Amino acid sequence: RYPDKVIINAEPPYEGHAGTNWSDVQRYSFWSSMLSGASGFTYGAAGVFQANDRDRPTGNRPDGGAFDHVFWDDAIHFDGARQIASGHGLLVSLDHHLFEVHPEWASVALRSGHEAYPIPLRPYAAGIPGKVRVIYLPLRWYHWNGPVVRDLEPGVRYRAAYLETDSLKRHEIGIVGGNANGEWTGPTLPHMYDWLLLMEAVGA
């Protein structure tokens, strides 16, 4: 609605709020936002946003109940904070401010006999055409092997790797390029978590 405005996801789900929204939800919120055109993302955590202190519990509701039982000095060690910070660092290193959103770049390859993606979690894709592509795969499912990457530029070769979203540990794939239709299908993801596919043009 506002193509000329900078959009920041300033209040996604607080990690640990109401005993939920843990690091997997933080990763999904971050990567789906940043690869859909957001210019920024504000991480938050239960216990921190209401400054819940051990000696002076705050965030109490008028009826006497508190927002959350977690205290700020525990919440600052939640895994999601580190994982979001690492993701931010990766995007900065890839010149994210130059990224274009390209949801058409990625889909999933379903196994024979399965007609539809069984959960409503599509891949998210953005990057710099001819230079870098980042594709977030929210969850590997039973019925598909690897992502299908489309609209690969003729003659451009990419160094591809799967990255574990909680640690950014790399699983190298190798040098890849598109077929005659500009498509490439990635290998099966190592396990059924959420993943990043990072593709960097060789020599870019």
Protein backbone atom coordinates (compact mmCIF):
# COMPACT_ATOMS: atom_id res chain seq x y z
CA ARG A 1 0.00 0.00 0.00
CA TYR A 2 2.94 2.33 0.62
CA PRO A 3 5.67 1.55 -1.93
CA ASP A 4 7.50 4.80 -1.24
CA LYS A 5 7.70 4.23 2.54
CA VAL A 6 10.25 2.41 4.65
CA ILE A 7 8.54 -0.39 6.57
CA ILE A 8 9.90 -1.75 9.86
CA ASN A 9 8.34 -4.68 11.69
CA ALA A 10 8.52 -2.91 15.05
CA GLU A 11 6.50 -5.28 17.21
CA PRO A 12 6.59 -8.92 16.18
CA PRO A 13 5.74 -11.62 18.76
CA TYR A 14 7.81 -11.21 21.92
CA GLU A 15 9.90 -14.27 22.60
CA GLY A 16 8.55 -16.20 25.58
CA HIS A 17 5.46 -13.99 25.97
CA ALA A 18 2.65 -16.04 27.52
CA GLY A 19 5.00 -19.03 27.48
CA THR A 20 5.19 -19.22 23.69
CA ASN A 21 6.74 -17.56 20.60
CA TRP A 22 10.12 -19.22 21.11
CA SER A 23 13.14 -18.99 18.84
CA ASP A 24 11.54 -20.82 15.90
CA VAL A 25 8.76 -18.22 15.81
CA GLN A 26 11.34 -15.43 16.08
CA ARG A 27 13.25 -16.81 13.09
CA TYR A 28 10.09 -17.13 11.03
CA SER A 29 9.03 -13.58 11.91
CA PHE A 30 12.47 -12.17 11.10
CA TRP A 31 13.19 -13.95 7.84
CA SER A 32 9.66 -13.68 6.44
CA SER A 33 9.70 -9.94 7.19
CA MET A 34 13.18 -9.16 5.90
CA LEU A 35 12.76 -11.17 2.70
CA SER A 36 9.36 -9.59 2.04
CA GLY A 37 10.67 -6.05 1.83
CA ALA A 38 10.95 -4.87 5.42
CA SER A 39 13.82 -2.49 6.10
CA GLY A 40 14.11 -3.40 9.77
CA PHE A 41 12.97 -5.73 12.53
CA THR A 42 12.67 -5.09 16.26
CA TYR A 43 13.24 -8.12 18.47
CA GLY A 44 11.50 -8.22 21.84
CA ALA A 45 11.30 -10.62 24.77
CA ALA A 46 8.96 -11.29 27.67
CA GLY A 47 10.45 -10.01 30.89
CA VAL A 48 12.38 -7.33 29.05
CA PHE A 49 9.57 -5.27 27.54
CA GLN A 50 7.95 -4.83 30.96
CA ALA A 51 11.29 -4.67 32.84
CA ASN A 52 10.23 -7.49 35.13
CA ASP A 53 12.68 -7.36 38.05
CA ARG A 54 13.25 -10.02 40.71
CA ASP A 55 13.04 -7.58 43.58
CA ARG A 56 10.42 -5.28 42.06
CA PRO A 57 8.18 -7.30 39.75
CA THR A 58 6.62 -4.99 37.20
CA GLY A 59 4.26 -5.36 34.28
CA ASN A 60 1.44 -6.23 36.70
CA ARG A 61 -2.10 -5.93 35.46
CA PRO A 62 -4.70 -3.92 37.43
CA ASP A 63 -6.20 -7.16 38.72
CA GLY A 64 -2.89 -8.18 40.24
CA GLY A 65 -1.74 -10.61 37.54
CA ALA A 66 1.56 -10.20 35.70
CA PHE A 67 2.24 -10.37 31.98
CA ASP A 68 4.85 -13.12 32.32
CA HIS A 69 6.71 -14.93 35.08
CA VAL A 70 10.14 -14.57 33.42
CA PHE A 71 12.54 -11.90 34.68
CA TRP A 72 14.57 -9.60 32.44
CA ASP A 73 17.98 -11.02 33.45
CA ASP A 74 16.85 -14.46 32.29
CA ALA A 75 15.07 -13.22 29.18
CA ILE A 76 18.15 -11.46 27.80
CA HIS A 77 19.66 -14.91 27.26
CA PHE A 78 16.81 -16.26 25.13
CA ASP A 79 18.10 -18.03 22.02
CA GLY A 80 16.04 -15.96 19.63
CA ALA A 81 17.95 -12.75 20.37
CA ARG A 82 21.25 -14.30 19.31
CA GLN A 83 19.73 -15.93 16.26
CA ILE A 84 18.10 -12.72 15.05
CA ALA A 85 21.34 -10.81 15.62
CA SER A 86 23.23 -13.38 13.55
CA GLY A 87 20.66 -13.12 10.78
CA HIS A 88 21.00 -9.35 10.80
CA GLY A 89 24.76 -9.67 10.48
CA LEU A 90 24.39 -12.00 7.51
CA LEU A 91 22.04 -9.62 5.72
CA VAL A 92 24.32 -6.65 6.31
CA SER A 93 27.25 -8.60 4.83
CA LEU A 94 25.13 -9.28 1.71
CA ASP A 95 24.12 -5.62 1.14
CA HIS A 96 20.51 -6.24 2.15
CA HIS A 97 19.68 -2.57 1.55
CA LEU A 98 19.95 -3.35 -2.17
CA PHE A 99 17.71 -6.45 -2.04
CA GLU A 100 14.65 -6.85 -4.22
CA VAL A 101 11.75 -9.06 -3.19
CA HIS A 102 11.21 -11.99 -5.57
CA PRO A 103 8.70 -14.54 -4.22
CA GLU A 104 8.58 -16.10 -7.69
CA TRP A 105 12.19 -17.21 -7.33
CA ALA A 106 11.40 -20.24 -5.17
CA SER A 107 8.90 -23.02 -4.60
CA VAL A 108 9.13 -26.58 -3.36
CA ALA A 109 9.40 -29.78 -5.39
CA LEU A 110 6.68 -32.15 -4.24
CA ARG A 111 7.23 -35.87 -4.31
CA SER A 112 5.20 -37.95 -6.70
CA GLY A 113 1.66 -38.55 -5.50
CA HIS A 114 1.38 -35.38 -3.44
CA GLU A 115 -0.61 -32.65 -5.11
CA ALA A 116 -0.17 -29.74 -2.74
CA TYR A 117 2.18 -28.26 -0.18
CA PRO A 118 0.71 -29.72 3.03
CA ILE A 119 1.29 -26.69 5.26
CA PRO A 120 0.76 -22.98 4.46
CA LEU A 121 4.40 -22.00 4.85
CA ARG A 122 5.80 -20.95 1.51
CA PRO A 123 9.42 -20.06 0.76
CA TYR A 124 10.45 -16.40 0.97
CA ALA A 125 13.01 -15.09 -1.49
CA ALA A 126 14.89 -11.86 -2.08
CA GLY A 127 18.28 -10.73 -3.30
CA ILE A 128 20.20 -8.88 -5.95
CA PRO A 129 19.65 -10.38 -9.42
CA GLY A 130 22.84 -11.82 -10.83
CA LYS A 131 24.66 -11.42 -7.52
CA VAL A 132 23.00 -13.01 -4.50
CA ARG A 133 19.82 -14.82 -3.55
CA VAL A 134 18.57 -15.62 -0.05
CA ILE A 135 15.67 -18.04 0.26
CA TYR A 136 14.03 -18.86 3.59
CA LEU A 137 12.42 -22.29 3.83
CA PRO A 138 10.21 -22.27 6.94
CA LEU A 139 10.00 -26.04 7.29
CA ARG A 140 11.09 -29.08 5.36
CA TRP A 141 8.13 -31.38 5.09
CA TYR A 142 7.76 -35.11 4.48
CA HIS A 143 6.51 -34.76 0.95
CA TRP A 144 9.14 -32.63 -0.74
CA ASN A 145 12.85 -32.95 -1.22
CA GLY A 146 14.40 -29.57 -1.94
CA PRO A 147 13.49 -26.12 -3.19
CA VAL A 148 13.03 -25.25 -6.85
CA VAL A 149 14.86 -22.02 -7.72
CA ARG A 150 13.57 -20.20 -10.79
CA ASP A 151 14.53 -17.35 -13.10
CA LEU A 152 18.26 -18.02 -12.80
CA GLU A 153 20.18 -15.76 -15.13
CA PRO A 154 21.74 -17.41 -18.22
CA GLY A 155 25.47 -17.89 -17.79
CA VAL A 156 25.51 -16.98 -14.10
CA ARG A 157 26.85 -19.61 -11.73
CA TYR A 158 26.16 -19.53 -8.00
CA ARG A 159 27.95 -20.95 -5.00
CA ALA A 160 25.08 -22.53 -3.04
CA ALA A 161 24.83 -23.59 0.59
CA TYR A 162 22.13 -24.48 3.08
CA LEU A 163 22.43 -22.57 6.35
CA GLU A 164 21.02 -23.73 9.66
CA THR A 165 18.93 -20.81 10.84
CA ASP A 166 19.76 -21.20 14.53
CA SER A 167 23.53 -21.15 14.05
CA LEU A 168 24.16 -20.20 10.38
CA LYS A 169 26.26 -23.35 10.09
CA ARG A 170 26.86 -23.96 6.38
CA HIS A 171 26.13 -27.15 4.48
CA GLU A 172 27.90 -26.62 1.17
CA ILE A 173 26.12 -27.68 -2.02
CA GLY A 174 28.60 -26.50 -4.63
CA ILE A 175 28.54 -24.43 -7.82
CA VAL A 176 25.14 -24.49 -9.51
CA GLY A 177 23.30 -22.84 -12.37
CA GLY A 178 19.97 -22.95 -14.13
CA ASN A 179 18.89 -25.43 -16.78
CA ALA A 180 17.45 -24.41 -20.15
CA ASN A 181 14.37 -23.13 -18.32
CA GLY A 182 16.41 -21.17 -15.81
CA GLU A 183 15.59 -23.59 -13.00
CA TRP A 184 17.63 -25.54 -10.46
CA THR A 185 16.35 -27.96 -7.83
CA GLY A 186 18.24 -28.13 -4.57
CA PRO A 187 19.08 -31.39 -2.82
CA THR A 188 17.05 -32.71 0.10
CA LEU A 189 17.48 -30.60 3.20
CA PRO A 190 19.57 -32.33 5.88
CA HIS A 191 16.79 -32.38 8.50
CA MET A 192 13.27 -31.14 9.07
CA TYR A 193 13.92 -27.71 10.52
CA ASP A 194 13.68 -24.30 8.91
CA TRP A 195 16.56 -23.42 6.59
CA LEU A 196 18.16 -20.71 4.51
CA LEU A 197 19.40 -21.30 0.99
CA LEU A 198 22.20 -18.85 0.23
CA MET A 199 23.30 -18.45 -3.38
CA GLU A 200 26.19 -16.12 -4.20
CA ALA A 201 27.29 -15.54 -7.79
CA VAL A 202 30.76 -16.80 -8.52
CA GLY A 203 32.98 -13.82 -9.24
CA ALA A 204 30.28 -11.30 -8.24
